[in-house]
Amino acid sequence: METPVRDTERPPDAEQPAPEEPEEQETRPDPARRKRRGPGPFLLLVLPTLTVLLAGAVFLVATDRLSGLLGGDDGGPAPAPQAVTDRVDPALLPWLRKAADRCDTLRPSVLAAQIDLRSGWSNDGAALSGPSGLAGFTPAQWREWGEDADDNGTSAPKDPADAIMALGRWDCALAERMTESRTRGTVNGDLLDLTLAAYDQDEAAVTKAGRVPQKALPYVRKAKQLARQYAQFDTAPSPLPDAGAPPRDGYLHRPLRTTTLSSAFGTRQHPPSGVTKLHTGVDFPAPQGTPVTAAGPGTVIFAGLTQAYGNRVVIDHGEADGRRLQTTYSHLSALHTTQGSTVVPGTTLGWVGSTGLSTGPHLHFEVMVDGHYTDPMPWLDGGG
């Protein structure tokens, strides 16, 4: 008979204790497991708007524009901005015009723009050895260009009349030398641009570049932009592209007996260099050795060999309708005239060739009015 096994942990009849109830725990979330909340609507919408408005208000106050938006001190509309011409003493206008009359390249508005850029029309000087007066002449520059323009017994850069006339003399001298360089073919470009560039840098820099140097471009642009704001100072319209329009019946004779053009006046890709730029004249194709004749009466002011234009002749025809008229004849195989010669329509100047930067025999013919290139065709008889 088997002996029953007994539980040694508790007696058989012992009452089993009820299981313990677990202690009630707080339902507080674990901080480590708390979900992060994104920014609310206030932060997303309102705060950035307030920041922008505050920054804008600070900018307007700092730049003194807030009063312009709100009106004048009396609550009325803000005053109109002051025109640049208001800074100029009206008594100086005759001097601007007189200085600009020294040469065809200058206009009163250009001189006014140069003075604006130089001094802002302030006659206060800087250091004793530095630029002085409206036009900002240094002592060395004044010794070269300064004169007693108003006959008051003194020549001084702080005398506005003296300064304006000295600036005109300087500019016109530069324009004359740039004209000579352009005639020789050593530089190319608009005569006023070249003159302003020579003033800003120097003649050597323009000659070396063969055009307006890169460093002078900002000054040339600013001066011409300002000149447009001073345009009312000009006694006559400024030379625009159509300023060279001749009388309708034509003014000049054809330099060649041909009506064929191989290249017209205007922007094009230059054949030898591939650079897109202004073609300053027209090209008449013709056989090598065809006679080239003067298009009008005048004086030969240049006849010689140049690097770009080859054998080149430039004739000054004097005034046409109050404007200075010149013609040029380039790439000639040989010359049949000399500088200083007097010519009439039909005078042989040379023969068609392909000297200089040329791709074949032709005549490159130009017309310049007051130093500015213009389309030659309307000037020629039967040119349309």
Protein backbone atom coordinates (compact mmCIF):
# COMPACT_ATOMS: atom_id res chain seq x y z
CA MET A 1 0.00 0.00 0.00
CA GLU A 2 1.42 3.30 -1.12
CA THR A 3 1.96 6.03 1.34
CA PRO A 4 0.37 9.38 0.12
CA VAL A 5 2.76 12.22 -0.42
CA ARG A 6 2.02 15.33 1.61
CA ASP A 7 2.71 18.88 0.86
CA THR A 8 5.33 19.95 3.28
CA GLU A 9 4.74 23.69 2.55
CA ARG A 10 1.28 23.87 4.19
CA PRO A 11 -1.03 21.53 6.07
CA PRO A 12 -3.68 19.81 3.99
CA ASP A 13 -6.56 21.54 5.67
CA ALA A 14 -4.91 25.00 5.74
CA GLU A 15 -6.84 27.77 4.06
CA GLN A 16 -5.08 29.20 1.12
CA PRO A 17 -4.57 32.98 1.47
CA ALA A 18 -6.29 35.23 -1.07
CA PRO A 19 -3.93 36.68 -3.62
CA GLU A 20 -2.73 40.18 -2.81
CA GLU A 21 -4.41 43.02 -4.63
CA PRO A 22 -1.83 45.07 -6.56
CA GLU A 23 -1.22 48.53 -5.18
CA GLU A 24 -2.99 51.30 -7.02
CA GLN A 25 -0.44 53.25 -9.01
CA GLU A 26 -0.65 56.82 -10.20
CA THR A 27 -1.53 57.18 -13.85
CA ARG A 28 0.95 60.14 -14.29
CA PRO A 29 2.71 59.74 -17.68
CA ASP A 30 6.35 58.99 -17.87
CA PRO A 31 8.23 62.25 -18.69
CA ALA A 32 10.63 60.29 -20.85
CA ARG A 33 7.71 59.06 -22.94
CA ARG A 34 5.87 62.42 -23.18
CA LYS A 35 5.17 63.33 -26.79
CA ARG A 36 6.66 66.58 -28.05
CA ARG A 37 4.09 69.04 -29.32
CA GLY A 38 4.74 71.12 -32.48
CA PRO A 39 4.48 74.92 -32.51
CA GLY A 40 1.00 76.22 -32.22
CA PRO A 41 -0.84 78.53 -34.63
CA PHE A 42 0.50 81.63 -32.89
CA LEU A 43 4.10 80.69 -33.50
CA LEU A 44 3.45 79.54 -37.04
CA LEU A 45 1.41 82.49 -38.28
CA VAL A 46 1.42 85.48 -35.99
CA LEU A 47 5.00 85.64 -34.79
CA PRO A 48 6.67 85.63 -38.29
CA THR A 49 4.25 88.33 -39.45
CA LEU A 50 5.08 90.51 -36.48
CA THR A 51 8.78 89.98 -37.08
CA VAL A 52 8.52 91.09 -40.73
CA LEU A 53 6.46 94.15 -39.84
CA LEU A 54 8.89 95.14 -37.10
CA ALA A 55 11.90 94.74 -39.41
CA GLY A 56 10.17 96.81 -42.11
CA ALA A 57 9.38 99.59 -39.66
CA VAL A 58 12.97 99.69 -38.45
CA PHE A 59 14.21 99.93 -42.06
CA LEU A 60 11.82 102.75 -42.95
CA VAL A 61 12.77 104.74 -39.87
CA ALA A 62 16.49 104.16 -40.44
CA THR A 63 16.29 105.29 -44.08
CA ASP A 64 13.93 108.19 -43.35
CA ARG A 65 11.25 106.81 -45.64
CA LEU A 66 8.46 106.38 -43.15
CA SER A 67 7.56 110.06 -43.30
CA GLY A 68 7.43 109.81 -47.10
CA LEU A 69 4.84 107.05 -46.88
CA LEU A 70 2.73 108.81 -44.27
CA GLY A 71 2.91 112.23 -45.93
CA GLY A 72 4.50 115.50 -44.97
CA ASP A 73 4.61 117.05 -41.54
CA ASP A 74 1.17 118.54 -42.10
CA GLY A 75 -0.34 115.22 -43.09
CA GLY A 76 -0.37 116.13 -46.78
CA PRO A 77 1.27 114.20 -49.63
CA ALA A 78 5.02 113.71 -49.52
CA PRO A 79 7.05 116.21 -51.59
CA ALA A 80 8.38 115.07 -54.97
CA PRO A 81 12.08 114.09 -55.08
CA GLN A 82 14.40 116.93 -55.97
CA ALA A 83 15.59 116.96 -59.59
CA VAL A 84 19.35 116.93 -60.13
CA THR A 85 19.06 120.17 -62.11
CA ASP A 86 17.76 121.98 -59.01
CA ARG A 87 21.23 121.79 -57.47
CA VAL A 88 22.77 123.89 -60.23
CA ASP A 89 22.95 127.67 -59.94
CA PRO A 90 21.13 129.02 -63.03
CA ALA A 91 23.93 131.59 -63.40
CA LEU A 92 26.25 128.71 -64.35
CA LEU A 93 24.20 127.55 -67.34
CA PRO A 94 25.77 130.05 -69.78
CA TRP A 95 29.21 128.81 -68.75
CA LEU A 96 28.19 125.19 -69.32
CA ARG A 97 26.98 126.09 -72.80
CA LYS A 98 30.07 128.18 -73.57
CA ALA A 99 32.40 125.36 -72.46
CA ALA A 100 30.49 122.79 -74.53
CA ASP A 101 30.70 125.01 -77.62
CA ARG A 102 34.45 124.45 -77.77
CA CYS A 103 33.96 121.16 -79.62
CA ASP A 104 31.24 119.12 -81.29
CA THR A 105 31.62 116.15 -78.94
CA LEU A 106 30.55 117.98 -75.79
CA ARG A 107 27.12 119.01 -74.58
CA PRO A 108 26.24 121.05 -71.48
CA SER A 109 24.47 118.01 -70.05
CA VAL A 110 27.67 115.95 -70.30
CA LEU A 111 29.71 118.58 -68.47
CA ALA A 112 27.00 118.82 -65.81
CA ALA A 113 27.08 115.04 -65.37
CA GLN A 114 30.87 115.03 -64.98
CA ILE A 115 30.69 117.75 -62.33
CA ASP A 116 27.91 115.88 -60.54
CA LEU A 117 30.01 112.72 -60.41
CA ARG A 118 33.12 114.65 -59.38
CA SER A 119 31.76 116.88 -56.62
CA GLY A 120 27.96 116.68 -56.49
CA TRP A 121 28.03 120.42 -57.31
CA SER A 122 29.77 121.13 -54.01
CA ASN A 123 32.46 123.79 -54.22
CA ASP A 124 34.13 122.72 -50.99
CA GLY A 125 37.72 121.64 -51.37
CA ALA A 126 39.38 118.70 -49.69
CA ALA A 127 43.01 118.78 -48.64
CA LEU A 128 45.13 121.65 -49.92
CA SER A 129 46.99 119.27 -52.21
CA GLY A 130 43.93 117.32 -53.36
CA PRO A 131 41.03 117.92 -55.76
CA SER A 132 39.35 121.27 -55.35
CA GLY A 133 36.26 123.05 -56.65
CA LEU A 134 33.26 121.89 -58.64
CA ALA A 135 35.28 119.99 -61.21
CA GLY A 136 37.73 118.51 -58.71
CA PHE A 137 40.99 119.73 -60.25
CA THR A 138 44.27 118.81 -58.60
CA PRO A 139 46.95 121.52 -58.53
CA ALA A 140 48.84 119.76 -61.35
CA GLN A 141 45.71 119.49 -63.50
CA TRP A 142 44.85 123.13 -62.86
CA ARG A 143 48.29 124.27 -63.98
CA GLU A 144 47.63 122.54 -67.31
CA TRP A 145 43.98 123.47 -67.91
CA GLY A 146 43.08 126.37 -65.62
CA GLU A 147 42.51 129.93 -66.90
CA ASP A 148 40.79 133.10 -65.76
CA ALA A 149 37.63 132.48 -67.78
CA ASP A 150 35.51 135.26 -66.28
CA ASP A 151 38.30 137.90 -66.32
CA ASN A 152 38.01 138.65 -62.61
CA GLY A 153 41.77 138.80 -62.19
CA THR A 154 42.28 135.31 -60.71
CA SER A 155 42.41 131.78 -62.05
CA ALA A 156 41.14 129.38 -59.39
CA PRO A 157 39.58 125.89 -59.38
CA LYS A 158 37.07 127.15 -56.79
CA ASP A 159 35.83 129.80 -59.20
CA PRO A 160 32.88 127.94 -60.82
CA ALA A 161 33.23 129.71 -64.18
CA ASP A 162 36.95 129.01 -64.33
CA ALA A 163 36.40 125.36 -63.35
CA ILE A 164 33.66 124.72 -65.92
CA MET A 165 35.65 126.25 -68.76
CA ALA A 166 38.78 124.34 -67.74
CA LEU A 167 36.83 121.08 -67.77
CA GLY A 168 35.54 121.92 -71.25
CA ARG A 169 39.09 122.58 -72.49
CA TRP A 170 40.28 119.29 -71.04
CA ASP A 171 37.41 117.28 -72.52
CA CYS A 172 37.75 118.86 -75.96
CA ALA A 173 41.48 118.19 -76.02
CA LEU A 174 40.79 114.55 -75.19
CA ALA A 175 38.06 114.40 -77.85
CA GLU A 176 40.46 115.78 -80.46
CA ARG A 177 43.12 113.22 -79.61
CA MET A 178 40.55 110.39 -79.57
CA THR A 179 39.37 111.55 -82.99
CA GLU A 180 42.94 111.37 -84.28
CA SER A 181 43.40 107.88 -82.80
CA ARG A 182 40.13 106.71 -84.29
CA THR A 183 41.08 108.18 -87.66
CA ARG A 184 44.37 106.28 -87.56
CA GLY A 185 42.43 103.13 -86.68
CA THR A 186 44.19 102.59 -83.34
CA VAL A 187 40.93 102.91 -81.37
CA ASN A 188 37.31 102.25 -82.24
CA GLY A 189 34.02 103.25 -80.65
CA ASP A 190 31.71 106.16 -79.96
CA LEU A 191 33.70 109.39 -79.69
CA LEU A 192 31.95 110.60 -76.52
CA ASP A 193 32.48 107.21 -74.85
CA LEU A 194 36.17 107.29 -75.75
CA THR A 195 36.52 110.86 -74.46
CA LEU A 196 34.86 110.06 -71.12
CA ALA A 197 37.00 106.94 -70.79
CA ALA A 198 40.18 108.95 -71.42
CA TYR A 199 39.07 111.47 -68.78
CA ASP A 200 38.31 108.73 -66.22
CA GLN A 201 41.43 106.66 -66.87
CA ASP A 202 43.90 108.21 -69.32
CA GLU A 203 44.60 108.31 -73.03
CA ALA A 204 47.21 105.56 -72.81
CA ALA A 205 44.69 103.12 -71.29
CA VAL A 206 42.20 103.77 -74.11
CA THR A 207 44.87 103.45 -76.80
CA LYS A 208 46.19 100.23 -75.27
CA ALA A 209 42.70 98.70 -75.17
CA GLY A 210 41.79 100.01 -78.62
CA ARG A 211 38.36 100.87 -77.24
CA VAL A 212 36.76 101.93 -73.94
CA PRO A 213 38.74 99.99 -71.29
CA GLN A 214 36.81 97.69 -68.98
CA LYS A 215 37.75 99.80 -65.95
CA ALA A 216 36.23 102.91 -67.53
CA LEU A 217 32.87 101.34 -68.45
CA PRO A 218 31.14 102.10 -65.08
CA TYR A 219 32.12 105.78 -65.28
CA VAL A 220 31.03 106.10 -68.92
CA ARG A 221 27.65 104.52 -68.13
CA LYS A 222 27.04 106.69 -65.07
CA ALA A 223 28.05 109.88 -66.87
CA LYS A 224 25.74 109.19 -69.81
CA GLN A 225 22.85 108.24 -67.51
CA LEU A 226 23.28 111.47 -65.55
CA ALA A 227 23.60 113.47 -68.76
CA ARG A 228 20.10 112.38 -69.71
CA GLN A 229 18.82 113.91 -66.46
CA TYR A 230 20.56 117.18 -67.36
CA ALA A 231 19.31 117.14 -70.96
CA GLN A 232 17.30 120.35 -70.48
CA PHE A 233 20.63 122.21 -70.22
CA ASP A 234 21.37 121.48 -73.86
CA THR A 235 20.56 124.33 -76.20
CA ALA A 236 20.07 121.88 -79.08
CA PRO A 237 18.95 118.25 -79.24
CA SER A 238 21.66 115.80 -78.35
CA PRO A 239 23.11 113.74 -81.23
CA LEU A 240 20.80 110.75 -81.50
CA PRO A 241 21.17 107.94 -84.02
CA ASP A 242 18.95 109.81 -86.51
CA ALA A 243 20.75 113.13 -86.05
CA GLY A 244 22.74 112.45 -89.22
CA ALA A 245 19.68 112.41 -91.47
CA PRO A 246 20.64 114.40 -94.59
CA PRO A 247 18.44 116.33 -97.02
CA ARG A 248 16.09 113.97 -98.86
CA ASP A 249 17.69 114.56 -102.27
CA GLY A 250 21.04 113.19 -101.07
CA TYR A 251 24.13 115.18 -100.24
CA LEU A 252 27.11 113.04 -101.26
CA HIS A 253 28.13 111.27 -104.45
CA ARG A 254 28.82 107.56 -104.54
CA PRO A 255 32.53 106.73 -104.08
CA LEU A 256 32.13 103.74 -106.44
CA ARG A 257 29.95 103.19 -109.49
CA THR A 258 27.98 100.40 -107.87
CA THR A 259 24.75 100.01 -105.92
CA THR A 260 25.65 96.58 -104.56
CA LEU A 261 26.29 96.18 -100.84
CA SER A 262 28.00 93.21 -99.27
CA SER A 263 27.42 94.50 -95.71
CA ALA A 264 25.09 97.24 -94.49
CA PHE A 265 25.41 99.67 -91.58
CA GLY A 266 24.44 98.21 -88.18
CA THR A 267 25.23 95.43 -85.73
CA ARG A 268 26.77 92.34 -87.27
CA GLN A 269 29.32 89.60 -86.65
CA HIS A 270 32.68 90.94 -87.75
CA PRO A 271 34.02 88.44 -90.36
CA PRO A 272 37.73 88.32 -89.38
CA SER A 273 37.22 88.34 -85.60
CA GLY A 274 33.77 86.74 -85.22
CA VAL A 275 32.85 89.39 -82.62
CA THR A 276 29.35 90.87 -82.81
CA LYS A 277 29.61 94.67 -82.87
CA LEU A 278 28.53 97.78 -84.77
CA HIS A 279 29.52 97.83 -88.43
CA THR A 280 30.28 101.53 -88.64
CA GLY A 281 29.85 101.92 -92.40
CA VAL A 282 28.84 100.04 -95.52
CA ASP A 283 30.88 97.68 -97.69
CA PHE A 284 30.87 98.01 -101.48
CA PRO A 285 32.34 94.91 -103.18
CA ALA A 286 34.38 95.69 -106.29
CA PRO A 287 37.31 94.22 -108.24
CA GLN A 288 40.80 94.94 -107.02
CA GLY A 289 42.09 98.20 -108.49
CA THR A 290 38.70 99.87 -109.04
CA PRO A 291 39.11 103.68 -108.58
CA VAL A 292 37.67 105.12 -105.35
CA THR A 293 36.61 108.78 -105.57
CA ALA A 294 35.74 111.52 -103.11
CA ALA A 295 32.05 111.67 -102.21
CA GLY A 296 32.07 115.44 -101.75
CA PRO A 297 34.24 118.56 -101.59
CA GLY A 298 36.57 118.91 -98.64
CA THR A 299 40.04 118.51 -97.19
CA VAL A 300 41.92 115.25 -96.65
CA ILE A 301 42.70 115.17 -92.93
CA PHE A 302 44.25 111.70 -92.95
CA ALA A 303 45.77 109.46 -95.59
CA GLY A 304 47.88 106.55 -94.46
CA LEU A 305 48.22 102.90 -93.50
CA THR A 306 46.42 101.68 -90.37
CA GLN A 307 46.36 98.26 -88.72
CA ALA A 308 42.60 97.64 -88.87
CA TYR A 309 41.49 99.72 -91.87
CA GLY A 310 44.55 99.21 -94.05
CA ASN A 311 45.13 102.15 -96.41
CA ARG A 312 42.62 104.73 -95.24
CA VAL A 313 41.53 108.23 -96.27
CA VAL A 314 39.45 110.60 -94.14
CA ILE A 315 37.89 113.75 -95.65
CA ASP A 316 36.48 116.67 -93.67
CA HIS A 317 33.63 118.23 -95.66
CA GLY A 318 33.04 121.13 -93.25
CA GLU A 319 29.47 121.81 -92.13
CA ALA A 320 26.33 120.30 -93.61
CA ASP A 321 23.11 121.75 -92.20
CA GLY A 322 25.12 123.09 -89.26
CA ARG A 323 26.77 119.76 -88.48
CA ARG A 324 30.35 118.64 -89.07
CA LEU A 325 30.46 116.04 -91.86
CA GLN A 326 33.30 113.59 -92.53
CA THR A 327 33.67 110.54 -94.78
CA THR A 328 36.18 107.69 -94.66
CA TYR A 329 37.48 105.25 -97.31
CA SER A 330 39.25 102.08 -96.10
CA HIS A 331 41.07 98.90 -97.21
CA LEU A 332 42.47 100.64 -100.33
CA SER A 333 45.17 98.78 -102.23
CA ALA A 334 47.11 102.04 -102.65
CA LEU A 335 46.64 105.77 -101.97
CA HIS A 336 46.38 108.51 -104.58
CA THR A 337 46.12 111.51 -102.23
CA THR A 338 47.92 113.01 -99.26
CA GLN A 339 46.96 114.70 -96.01
CA GLY A 340 46.08 118.36 -96.54
CA SER A 341 44.92 117.90 -100.12
CA THR A 342 41.76 119.65 -101.31
CA VAL A 343 39.35 117.38 -103.17
CA VAL A 344 36.10 117.68 -105.11
CA PRO A 345 33.51 115.04 -105.99
CA GLY A 346 35.15 112.56 -108.34
CA THR A 347 38.75 113.14 -107.20
CA THR A 348 40.54 109.76 -107.15
CA LEU A 349 41.65 108.88 -103.60
CA GLY A 350 43.00 105.40 -104.26
CA TRP A 351 41.94 101.97 -105.50
CA VAL A 352 39.85 99.14 -104.08
CA GLY A 353 41.91 96.61 -102.17
CA SER A 354 41.89 94.28 -99.17
CA THR A 355 44.48 95.80 -96.85
CA GLY A 356 44.06 95.71 -93.06
CA LEU A 357 41.47 93.42 -91.47
CA SER A 358 39.65 92.37 -94.62
CA THR A 359 38.47 89.13 -96.19
CA GLY A 360 38.42 90.32 -99.82
CA PRO A 361 38.54 93.35 -102.12
CA HIS A 362 35.93 95.95 -101.14
CA LEU A 363 35.53 99.57 -100.03
CA HIS A 364 34.51 100.19 -96.43
CA PHE A 365 32.81 103.62 -96.56
CA GLU A 366 31.74 105.61 -93.47
CA VAL A 367 29.86 108.84 -92.79
CA MET A 368 30.37 110.68 -89.49
CA VAL A 369 28.14 113.54 -88.33
CA ASP A 370 29.51 115.57 -85.41
CA GLY A 371 31.87 112.66 -84.73
CA HIS A 372 29.13 110.01 -84.61
CA TYR A 373 28.82 107.18 -87.13
CA THR A 374 25.58 107.17 -89.11
CA ASP A 375 24.12 105.11 -91.94
CA PRO A 376 25.86 106.37 -95.11
CA MET A 377 23.16 105.26 -97.56
CA PRO A 378 20.65 108.12 -97.05
CA TRP A 379 23.50 110.57 -97.61
CA LEU A 380 24.35 109.19 -101.03
CA ASP A 381 22.62 110.25 -104.22
CA GLY A 382 20.16 107.51 -105.06
CA GLY A 383 20.82 105.98 -101.64
CA GLY A 384 17.14 106.05 -100.59
